[in-house]
Full PDB file with SEQRES, HELIX, SHEET, SSBOND, CRYST1, ORIGX, SCALE, CONECT and MASTER records, all heavy atoms in Angstrom:
SEQRES   1 A   33  GLU LYS LYS ALA PHE GLU ASN VAL LYS ALA TYR ILE ASP          
SEQRES   2 A   33  ASN LEU ASP ASP TYR LEU LYS VAL ASP ASP SER VAL TYR          
SEQRES   3 A   33  SER THR ARG LEU ASP CYS CYS                                  
HELIX    1 AA1 LYS A    2  ASP A   13  1                                  12    
HELIX    2 AA2 ASP A   17  LEU A   19  5                                   3    
HELIX    3 AA3 ASP A   23  CYS A   32  1                                  10    
CRYST1    1.000    1.000    1.000  90.00  90.00  90.00 P 1           1          
ORIGX1      1.000000  0.000000  0.000000        0.00000                         
ORIGX2      0.000000  1.000000  0.000000        0.00000                         
ORIGX3      0.000000  0.000000  1.000000        0.00000                         
SCALE1      1.000000  0.000000  0.000000        0.00000                         
SCALE2      0.000000  1.000000  0.000000        0.00000                         
SCALE3      0.000000  0.000000  1.000000        0.00000                         
ATOM      1  N   GLU A   1       8.533 -16.175  -3.267  1.00  0.00           N  
ATOM      2  CA  GLU A   1       9.268 -14.926  -2.854  1.00  0.00           C  
ATOM      3  C   GLU A   1       8.753 -14.666  -1.483  1.00  0.00           C  
ATOM      4  O   GLU A   1       8.253 -13.572  -1.139  1.00  0.00           O  
ATOM      5  CB  GLU A   1       8.980 -13.813  -3.753  1.00  0.00           C  
ATOM      6  CG  GLU A   1       9.377 -14.002  -5.212  1.00  0.00           C  
ATOM      7  CD  GLU A   1      10.936 -14.090  -5.380  1.00  0.00           C  
ATOM      8  OE1 GLU A   1      11.648 -13.611  -4.522  1.00  0.00           O  
ATOM      9  OE2 GLU A   1      11.273 -14.694  -6.453  1.00  0.00           O  
ATOM     10  N   LYS A   2       9.083 -15.509  -0.508  1.00  0.00           N  
ATOM     11  CA  LYS A   2       8.556 -15.358   0.895  1.00  0.00           C  
ATOM     12  C   LYS A   2       9.056 -14.157   1.594  1.00  0.00           C  
ATOM     13  O   LYS A   2       8.304 -13.346   2.261  1.00  0.00           O  
ATOM     14  CB  LYS A   2       8.932 -16.605   1.698  1.00  0.00           C  
ATOM     15  CG  LYS A   2       8.335 -16.579   3.134  1.00  0.00           C  
ATOM     16  CD  LYS A   2       8.621 -17.886   3.850  1.00  0.00           C  
ATOM     17  CE  LYS A   2       8.022 -17.801   5.266  1.00  0.00           C  
ATOM     18  NZ  LYS A   2       8.291 -18.952   6.012  1.00  0.00           N  
ATOM     19  N   LYS A   3      10.352 -13.883   1.479  1.00  0.00           N  
ATOM     20  CA  LYS A   3      10.851 -12.628   2.212  1.00  0.00           C  
ATOM     21  C   LYS A   3      10.349 -11.313   1.686  1.00  0.00           C  
ATOM     22  O   LYS A   3       9.947 -10.503   2.397  1.00  0.00           O  
ATOM     23  CB  LYS A   3      12.355 -12.705   2.137  1.00  0.00           C  
ATOM     24  CG  LYS A   3      13.058 -11.617   2.953  1.00  0.00           C  
ATOM     25  CD  LYS A   3      12.749 -11.745   4.438  1.00  0.00           C  
ATOM     26  CE  LYS A   3      13.472 -10.684   5.224  1.00  0.00           C  
ATOM     27  NZ  LYS A   3      13.014 -10.571   6.628  1.00  0.00           N  
ATOM     28  N   ALA A   4      10.213 -11.287   0.337  1.00  0.00           N  
ATOM     29  CA  ALA A   4       9.687 -10.121  -0.320  1.00  0.00           C  
ATOM     30  C   ALA A   4       8.143  -9.925   0.035  1.00  0.00           C  
ATOM     31  O   ALA A   4       7.794  -8.823   0.418  1.00  0.00           O  
ATOM     32  CB  ALA A   4       9.842 -10.168  -1.852  1.00  0.00           C  
ATOM     33  N   PHE A   5       7.450 -11.017   0.045  1.00  0.00           N  
ATOM     34  CA  PHE A   5       6.017 -11.044   0.493  1.00  0.00           C  
ATOM     35  C   PHE A   5       5.886 -10.476   1.930  1.00  0.00           C  
ATOM     36  O   PHE A   5       5.053  -9.699   2.135  1.00  0.00           O  
ATOM     37  CB  PHE A   5       5.399 -12.383   0.360  1.00  0.00           C  
ATOM     38  CG  PHE A   5       4.057 -12.449   0.982  1.00  0.00           C  
ATOM     39  CD1 PHE A   5       2.904 -11.948   0.203  1.00  0.00           C  
ATOM     40  CD2 PHE A   5       3.701 -12.967   2.152  1.00  0.00           C  
ATOM     41  CE1 PHE A   5       1.681 -11.987   0.776  1.00  0.00           C  
ATOM     42  CE2 PHE A   5       2.429 -13.023   2.714  1.00  0.00           C  
ATOM     43  CZ  PHE A   5       1.479 -12.500   2.050  1.00  0.00           C  
ATOM     44  N   GLU A   6       6.786 -10.958   2.804  1.00  0.00           N  
ATOM     45  CA  GLU A   6       6.705 -10.587   4.199  1.00  0.00           C  
ATOM     46  C   GLU A   6       6.920  -9.001   4.327  1.00  0.00           C  
ATOM     47  O   GLU A   6       6.238  -8.373   5.038  1.00  0.00           O  
ATOM     48  CB  GLU A   6       7.775 -11.284   5.064  1.00  0.00           C  
ATOM     49  CG  GLU A   6       7.338 -12.800   5.279  1.00  0.00           C  
ATOM     50  CD  GLU A   6       8.488 -13.577   5.893  1.00  0.00           C  
ATOM     51  OE1 GLU A   6       9.570 -13.049   6.204  1.00  0.00           O  
ATOM     52  OE2 GLU A   6       8.248 -14.739   6.102  1.00  0.00           O  
ATOM     53  N   ASN A   7       7.777  -8.540   3.574  1.00  0.00           N  
ATOM     54  CA  ASN A   7       8.110  -7.043   3.507  1.00  0.00           C  
ATOM     55  C   ASN A   7       6.878  -6.297   2.982  1.00  0.00           C  
ATOM     56  O   ASN A   7       6.525  -5.282   3.571  1.00  0.00           O  
ATOM     57  CB  ASN A   7       9.372  -6.772   2.778  1.00  0.00           C  
ATOM     58  CG  ASN A   7      10.587  -7.246   3.460  1.00  0.00           C  
ATOM     59  OD1 ASN A   7      10.697  -7.368   4.606  1.00  0.00           O  
ATOM     60  ND2 ASN A   7      11.644  -7.450   2.624  1.00  0.00           N  
ATOM     61  N   VAL A   8       6.378  -6.791   1.919  1.00  0.00           N  
ATOM     62  CA  VAL A   8       5.187  -6.154   1.340  1.00  0.00           C  
ATOM     63  C   VAL A   8       4.012  -6.169   2.256  1.00  0.00           C  
ATOM     64  O   VAL A   8       3.275  -5.186   2.479  1.00  0.00           O  
ATOM     65  CB  VAL A   8       4.896  -6.720  -0.074  1.00  0.00           C  
ATOM     66  CG1 VAL A   8       3.491  -6.389  -0.502  1.00  0.00           C  
ATOM     67  CG2 VAL A   8       5.899  -6.363  -1.105  1.00  0.00           C  
ATOM     68  N   LYS A   9       3.730  -7.311   2.905  1.00  0.00           N  
ATOM     69  CA  LYS A   9       2.664  -7.511   3.791  1.00  0.00           C  
ATOM     70  C   LYS A   9       2.800  -6.501   5.030  1.00  0.00           C  
ATOM     71  O   LYS A   9       1.841  -5.914   5.423  1.00  0.00           O  
ATOM     72  CB  LYS A   9       2.495  -8.912   4.338  1.00  0.00           C  
ATOM     73  CG  LYS A   9       1.319  -9.126   5.233  1.00  0.00           C  
ATOM     74  CD  LYS A   9       1.147 -10.614   5.567  1.00  0.00           C  
ATOM     75  CE  LYS A   9      -0.098 -10.854   6.414  1.00  0.00           C  
ATOM     76  NZ  LYS A   9      -0.631  -9.799   7.233  1.00  0.00           N  
ATOM     77  N   ALA A  10       4.082  -6.379   5.534  1.00  0.00           N  
ATOM     78  CA  ALA A  10       4.296  -5.469   6.689  1.00  0.00           C  
ATOM     79  C   ALA A  10       4.018  -4.063   6.257  1.00  0.00           C  
ATOM     80  O   ALA A  10       3.387  -3.309   6.958  1.00  0.00           O  
ATOM     81  CB  ALA A  10       5.749  -5.587   7.116  1.00  0.00           C  
ATOM     82  N   TYR A  11       4.393  -3.757   5.011  1.00  0.00           N  
ATOM     83  CA  TYR A  11       4.078  -2.395   4.550  1.00  0.00           C  
ATOM     84  C   TYR A  11       2.663  -2.107   4.446  1.00  0.00           C  
ATOM     85  O   TYR A  11       2.101  -1.111   4.929  1.00  0.00           O  
ATOM     86  CB  TYR A  11       4.772  -2.176   3.166  1.00  0.00           C  
ATOM     87  CG  TYR A  11       4.377  -0.899   2.480  1.00  0.00           C  
ATOM     88  CD1 TYR A  11       5.198   0.217   2.855  1.00  0.00           C  
ATOM     89  CD2 TYR A  11       3.436  -0.732   1.552  1.00  0.00           C  
ATOM     90  CE1 TYR A  11       4.829   1.528   2.271  1.00  0.00           C  
ATOM     91  CE2 TYR A  11       3.080   0.380   0.894  1.00  0.00           C  
ATOM     92  CZ  TYR A  11       3.734   1.545   1.231  1.00  0.00           C  
ATOM     93  OH  TYR A  11       3.462   2.783   0.714  1.00  0.00           O  
ATOM     94  N   ILE A  12       1.908  -3.096   3.846  1.00  0.00           N  
ATOM     95  CA  ILE A  12       0.388  -2.921   3.705  1.00  0.00           C  
ATOM     96  C   ILE A  12      -0.224  -2.842   5.017  1.00  0.00           C  
ATOM     97  O   ILE A  12      -1.117  -2.046   5.294  1.00  0.00           O  
ATOM     98  CB  ILE A  12      -0.151  -4.103   2.860  1.00  0.00           C  
ATOM     99  CG1 ILE A  12       0.354  -4.014   1.378  1.00  0.00           C  
ATOM    100  CG2 ILE A  12      -1.683  -4.183   3.006  1.00  0.00           C  
ATOM    101  CD1 ILE A  12       0.006  -5.136   0.545  1.00  0.00           C  
ATOM    102  N   ASP A  13       0.179  -3.652   6.006  1.00  0.00           N  
ATOM    103  CA  ASP A  13      -0.392  -3.677   7.361  1.00  0.00           C  
ATOM    104  C   ASP A  13      -0.194  -2.313   8.102  1.00  0.00           C  
ATOM    105  O   ASP A  13      -1.009  -2.017   8.944  1.00  0.00           O  
ATOM    106  CB  ASP A  13       0.185  -4.895   8.170  1.00  0.00           C  
ATOM    107  CG  ASP A  13      -0.240  -6.240   7.751  1.00  0.00           C  
ATOM    108  OD1 ASP A  13      -1.192  -6.382   6.975  1.00  0.00           O  
ATOM    109  OD2 ASP A  13       0.432  -7.224   8.194  1.00  0.00           O  
ATOM    110  N   ASN A  14       0.857  -1.624   7.656  1.00  0.00           N  
ATOM    111  CA  ASN A  14       1.115  -0.386   8.353  1.00  0.00           C  
ATOM    112  C   ASN A  14       0.401   0.835   7.694  1.00  0.00           C  
ATOM    113  O   ASN A  14       0.494   1.904   8.234  1.00  0.00           O  
ATOM    114  CB  ASN A  14       2.564  -0.151   8.484  1.00  0.00           C  
ATOM    115  CG  ASN A  14       3.242  -0.954   9.582  1.00  0.00           C  
ATOM    116  OD1 ASN A  14       2.706  -0.901  10.662  1.00  0.00           O  
ATOM    117  ND2 ASN A  14       4.174  -1.686   9.286  1.00  0.00           N  
ATOM    118  N   LEU A  15      -0.242   0.594   6.559  1.00  0.00           N  
ATOM    119  CA  LEU A  15      -1.000   1.707   5.888  1.00  0.00           C  
ATOM    120  C   LEU A  15      -2.167   2.020   6.673  1.00  0.00           C  
ATOM    121  O   LEU A  15      -2.874   1.153   7.328  1.00  0.00           O  
ATOM    122  CB  LEU A  15      -1.382   1.248   4.483  1.00  0.00           C  
ATOM    123  CG  LEU A  15      -0.266   1.133   3.445  1.00  0.00           C  
ATOM    124  CD1 LEU A  15      -0.864   0.453   2.165  1.00  0.00           C  
ATOM    125  CD2 LEU A  15       0.251   2.504   3.151  1.00  0.00           C  
ATOM    126  N   ASP A  16      -2.548   3.326   6.659  1.00  0.00           N  
ATOM    127  CA  ASP A  16      -3.832   3.755   7.316  1.00  0.00           C  
ATOM    128  C   ASP A  16      -5.018   3.092   6.502  1.00  0.00           C  
ATOM    129  O   ASP A  16      -4.963   3.033   5.284  1.00  0.00           O  
ATOM    130  CB  ASP A  16      -3.934   5.239   7.350  1.00  0.00           C  
ATOM    131  CG  ASP A  16      -3.014   5.857   8.330  1.00  0.00           C  
ATOM    132  OD1 ASP A  16      -2.727   5.242   9.343  1.00  0.00           O  
ATOM    133  OD2 ASP A  16      -2.600   6.999   8.080  1.00  0.00           O  
ATOM    134  N   ASP A  17      -6.040   2.670   7.251  1.00  0.00           N  
ATOM    135  CA  ASP A  17      -7.194   2.030   6.611  1.00  0.00           C  
ATOM    136  C   ASP A  17      -7.850   2.906   5.572  1.00  0.00           C  
ATOM    137  O   ASP A  17      -8.363   2.405   4.561  1.00  0.00           O  
ATOM    138  CB  ASP A  17      -8.187   1.551   7.629  1.00  0.00           C  
ATOM    139  CG  ASP A  17      -7.726   0.333   8.399  1.00  0.00           C  
ATOM    140  OD1 ASP A  17      -6.812  -0.422   7.906  1.00  0.00           O  
ATOM    141  OD2 ASP A  17      -8.255   0.110   9.511  1.00  0.00           O  
ATOM    142  N   TYR A  18      -7.884   4.211   5.799  1.00  0.00           N  
ATOM    143  CA  TYR A  18      -8.539   5.083   4.867  1.00  0.00           C  
ATOM    144  C   TYR A  18      -7.906   5.084   3.481  1.00  0.00           C  
ATOM    145  O   TYR A  18      -8.482   5.541   2.501  1.00  0.00           O  
ATOM    146  CB  TYR A  18      -8.702   6.500   5.396  1.00  0.00           C  
ATOM    147  CG  TYR A  18      -7.441   7.340   5.430  1.00  0.00           C  
ATOM    148  CD1 TYR A  18      -7.112   8.008   4.388  1.00  0.00           C  
ATOM    149  CD2 TYR A  18      -6.659   7.316   6.546  1.00  0.00           C  
ATOM    150  CE1 TYR A  18      -5.883   8.875   4.359  1.00  0.00           C  
ATOM    151  CE2 TYR A  18      -5.480   8.057   6.609  1.00  0.00           C  
ATOM    152  CZ  TYR A  18      -5.106   8.814   5.508  1.00  0.00           C  
ATOM    153  OH  TYR A  18      -3.979   9.639   5.555  1.00  0.00           O  
ATOM    154  N   LEU A  19      -6.644   4.636   3.388  1.00  0.00           N  
ATOM    155  CA  LEU A  19      -5.972   4.548   2.147  1.00  0.00           C  
ATOM    156  C   LEU A  19      -6.223   3.281   1.364  1.00  0.00           C  
ATOM    157  O   LEU A  19      -5.939   3.217   0.170  1.00  0.00           O  
ATOM    158  CB  LEU A  19      -4.496   4.709   2.369  1.00  0.00           C  
ATOM    159  CG  LEU A  19      -3.928   5.934   2.968  1.00  0.00           C  
ATOM    160  CD1 LEU A  19      -2.399   5.791   3.312  1.00  0.00           C  
ATOM    161  CD2 LEU A  19      -4.192   7.096   2.071  1.00  0.00           C  
ATOM    162  N   LYS A  20      -6.785   2.303   2.050  1.00  0.00           N  
ATOM    163  CA  LYS A  20      -6.909   0.941   1.450  1.00  0.00           C  
ATOM    164  C   LYS A  20      -8.363   0.631   1.011  1.00  0.00           C  
ATOM    165  O   LYS A  20      -9.337   1.095   1.704  1.00  0.00           O  
ATOM    166  CB  LYS A  20      -6.500  -0.090   2.436  1.00  0.00           C  
ATOM    167  CG  LYS A  20      -5.027  -0.031   2.829  1.00  0.00           C  
ATOM    168  CD  LYS A  20      -4.483  -1.226   3.733  1.00  0.00           C  
ATOM    169  CE  LYS A  20      -5.009  -1.150   5.135  1.00  0.00           C  
ATOM    170  NZ  LYS A  20      -4.366  -2.150   6.013  1.00  0.00           N  
ATOM    171  N   VAL A  21      -8.430  -0.221  -0.050  1.00  0.00           N  
ATOM    172  CA  VAL A  21      -9.726  -0.747  -0.406  1.00  0.00           C  
ATOM    173  C   VAL A  21     -10.135  -1.821   0.572  1.00  0.00           C  
ATOM    174  O   VAL A  21      -9.363  -2.350   1.281  1.00  0.00           O  
ATOM    175  CB  VAL A  21      -9.690  -1.290  -1.905  1.00  0.00           C  
ATOM    176  CG1 VAL A  21      -9.348  -0.119  -2.870  1.00  0.00           C  
ATOM    177  CG2 VAL A  21      -8.752  -2.392  -2.038  1.00  0.00           C  
ATOM    178  N   ASP A  22     -11.495  -2.176   0.584  1.00  0.00           N  
ATOM    179  CA  ASP A  22     -11.856  -3.282   1.427  1.00  0.00           C  
ATOM    180  C   ASP A  22     -11.339  -4.642   0.866  1.00  0.00           C  
ATOM    181  O   ASP A  22     -10.872  -4.701  -0.275  1.00  0.00           O  
ATOM    182  CB  ASP A  22     -13.307  -3.244   1.675  1.00  0.00           C  
ATOM    183  CG  ASP A  22     -14.144  -3.576   0.348  1.00  0.00           C  
ATOM    184  OD1 ASP A  22     -13.875  -4.499  -0.356  1.00  0.00           O  
ATOM    185  OD2 ASP A  22     -15.138  -2.880   0.121  1.00  0.00           O  
ATOM    186  N   ASP A  23     -11.437  -5.649   1.660  1.00  0.00           N  
ATOM    187  CA  ASP A  23     -10.914  -6.951   1.345  1.00  0.00           C  
ATOM    188  C   ASP A  23     -11.412  -7.571   0.033  1.00  0.00           C  
ATOM    189  O   ASP A  23     -10.781  -8.161  -0.689  1.00  0.00           O  
ATOM    190  CB  ASP A  23     -11.138  -7.974   2.440  1.00  0.00           C  
ATOM    191  CG  ASP A  23     -10.182  -7.622   3.649  1.00  0.00           C  
ATOM    192  OD1 ASP A  23      -9.190  -6.874   3.466  1.00  0.00           O  
ATOM    193  OD2 ASP A  23     -10.490  -8.142   4.783  1.00  0.00           O  
ATOM    194  N   SER A  24     -12.729  -7.379  -0.210  1.00  0.00           N  
ATOM    195  CA  SER A  24     -13.325  -7.965  -1.435  1.00  0.00           C  
ATOM    196  C   SER A  24     -12.767  -7.255  -2.669  1.00  0.00           C  
ATOM    197  O   SER A  24     -12.534  -7.929  -3.676  1.00  0.00           O  
ATOM    198  CB  SER A  24     -14.876  -7.958  -1.368  1.00  0.00           C  
ATOM    199  OG  SER A  24     -15.371  -6.576  -1.425  1.00  0.00           O  
ATOM    200  N   VAL A  25     -12.647  -5.984  -2.692  1.00  0.00           N  
ATOM    201  CA  VAL A  25     -12.115  -5.209  -3.733  1.00  0.00           C  
ATOM    202  C   VAL A  25     -10.637  -5.613  -3.986  1.00  0.00           C  
ATOM    203  O   VAL A  25     -10.224  -5.824  -5.115  1.00  0.00           O  
ATOM    204  CB  VAL A  25     -12.169  -3.699  -3.621  1.00  0.00           C  
ATOM    205  CG1 VAL A  25     -11.428  -2.872  -4.725  1.00  0.00           C  
ATOM    206  CG2 VAL A  25     -13.658  -3.273  -3.516  1.00  0.00           C  
ATOM    207  N   TYR A  26      -9.910  -5.781  -2.915  1.00  0.00           N  
ATOM    208  CA  TYR A  26      -8.524  -6.105  -2.928  1.00  0.00           C  
ATOM    209  C   TYR A  26      -8.396  -7.505  -3.609  1.00  0.00           C  
ATOM    210  O   TYR A  26      -7.579  -7.702  -4.545  1.00  0.00           O  
ATOM    211  CB  TYR A  26      -7.917  -6.231  -1.553  1.00  0.00           C  
ATOM    212  CG  TYR A  26      -6.446  -6.452  -1.544  1.00  0.00           C  
ATOM    213  CD1 TYR A  26      -5.526  -5.765  -2.239  1.00  0.00           C  
ATOM    214  CD2 TYR A  26      -5.965  -7.495  -0.744  1.00  0.00           C  
ATOM    215  CE1 TYR A  26      -4.134  -6.030  -2.132  1.00  0.00           C  
ATOM    216  CE2 TYR A  26      -4.653  -7.808  -0.574  1.00  0.00           C  
ATOM    217  CZ  TYR A  26      -3.702  -7.012  -1.212  1.00  0.00           C  
ATOM    218  OH  TYR A  26      -2.391  -7.413  -1.197  1.00  0.00           O  
ATOM    219  N   SER A  27      -9.154  -8.383  -3.206  1.00  0.00           N  
ATOM    220  CA  SER A  27      -9.145  -9.786  -3.719  1.00  0.00           C  
ATOM    221  C   SER A  27      -9.535  -9.816  -5.226  1.00  0.00           C  
ATOM    222  O   SER A  27      -8.887 -10.445  -6.029  1.00  0.00           O  
ATOM    223  CB  SER A  27     -10.191 -10.696  -2.975  1.00  0.00           C  
ATOM    224  OG  SER A  27     -10.202 -12.008  -3.461  1.00  0.00           O  
ATOM    225  N   THR A  28     -10.581  -9.027  -5.600  1.00  0.00           N  
ATOM    226  CA  THR A  28     -10.938  -8.955  -7.002  1.00  0.00           C  
ATOM    227  C   THR A  28      -9.808  -8.382  -7.852  1.00  0.00           C  
ATOM    228  O   THR A  28      -9.507  -8.931  -9.006  1.00  0.00           O  
ATOM    229  CB  THR A  28     -12.159  -8.103  -7.137  1.00  0.00           C  
ATOM    230  OG1 THR A  28     -13.243  -8.731  -6.390  1.00  0.00           O  
ATOM    231  CG2 THR A  28     -12.649  -7.916  -8.628  1.00  0.00           C  
ATOM    232  N   ARG A  29      -9.196  -7.367  -7.301  1.00  0.00           N  
ATOM    233  CA  ARG A  29      -8.055  -6.725  -8.098  1.00  0.00           C  
ATOM    234  C   ARG A  29      -6.941  -7.728  -8.324  1.00  0.00           C  
ATOM    235  O   ARG A  29      -6.346  -7.819  -9.303  1.00  0.00           O  
ATOM    236  CB  ARG A  29      -7.554  -5.464  -7.357  1.00  0.00           C  
ATOM    237  CG  ARG A  29      -8.406  -4.244  -7.447  1.00  0.00           C  
ATOM    238  CD  ARG A  29      -7.938  -3.085  -6.707  1.00  0.00           C  
ATOM    239  NE  ARG A  29      -8.664  -1.891  -6.951  1.00  0.00           N  
ATOM    240  CZ  ARG A  29      -8.290  -0.650  -6.453  1.00  0.00           C  
ATOM    241  NH1 ARG A  29      -7.124  -0.522  -5.813  1.00  0.00           N  
ATOM    242  NH2 ARG A  29      -9.018   0.314  -6.728  1.00  0.00           N  
ATOM    243  N   LEU A  30      -6.530  -8.393  -7.211  1.00  0.00           N  
ATOM    244  CA  LEU A  30      -5.489  -9.408  -7.327  1.00  0.00           C  
ATOM    245  C   LEU A  30      -5.800 -10.497  -8.235  1.00  0.00           C  
ATOM    246  O   LEU A  30      -4.930 -11.015  -8.964  1.00  0.00           O  
ATOM    247  CB  LEU A  30      -5.186  -9.971  -5.990  1.00  0.00           C  
ATOM    248  CG  LEU A  30      -4.441  -8.964  -4.981  1.00  0.00           C  
ATOM    249  CD1 LEU A  30      -4.119  -9.642  -3.673  1.00  0.00           C  
ATOM    250  CD2 LEU A  30      -3.104  -8.394  -5.575  1.00  0.00           C  
ATOM    251  N   ASP A  31      -7.129 -10.913  -8.237  1.00  0.00           N  
ATOM    252  CA  ASP A  31      -7.487 -12.001  -9.256  1.00  0.00           C  
ATOM    253  C   ASP A  31      -7.286 -11.457 -10.615  1.00  0.00           C  
ATOM    254  O   ASP A  31      -6.841 -12.304 -11.558  1.00  0.00           O  
ATOM    255  CB  ASP A  31      -9.000 -12.341  -8.984  1.00  0.00           C  
ATOM    256  CG  ASP A  31      -9.218 -13.187  -7.823  1.00  0.00           C  
ATOM    257  OD1 ASP A  31      -8.272 -13.781  -7.294  1.00  0.00           O  
ATOM    258  OD2 ASP A  31     -10.424 -13.338  -7.382  1.00  0.00           O  
ATOM    259  N   CYS A  32      -7.522 -10.222 -10.965  1.00  0.00           N  
ATOM    260  CA  CYS A  32      -7.327  -9.655 -12.239  1.00  0.00           C  
ATOM    261  C   CYS A  32      -5.758  -9.610 -12.592  1.00  0.00           C  
ATOM    262  O   CYS A  32      -5.373 -10.040 -13.635  1.00  0.00           O  
ATOM    263  CB  CYS A  32      -7.949  -8.227 -12.370  1.00  0.00           C  
ATOM    264  SG  CYS A  32      -9.627  -8.010 -12.272  1.00  0.00           S  
ATOM    265  N   CYS A  33      -5.017  -9.228 -11.639  1.00  0.00           N  
ATOM    266  CA  CYS A  33      -3.530  -9.209 -11.773  1.00  0.00           C  
ATOM    267  C   CYS A  33      -3.043 -10.652 -12.057  1.00  0.00           C  
ATOM    268  O   CYS A  33      -2.153 -10.791 -12.935  1.00  0.00           O  
ATOM    269  CB  CYS A  33      -2.850  -8.633 -10.514  1.00  0.00           C  
ATOM    270  SG  CYS A  33      -3.198  -6.882 -10.308  1.00  0.00           S  
TER     271      CYS A  33                                                      
MASTER        0    0    0    3    0    0    0    6  270    1    0    3          
END                                                                             
């Protein structure tokens, strides 16, 4: 789903950092998913 991924990535990239978990937490969460 390349186009959907690009849209989701753009959305995430535009989020303020204070709203996001750090990269290691994000990776761990995605591994669970």
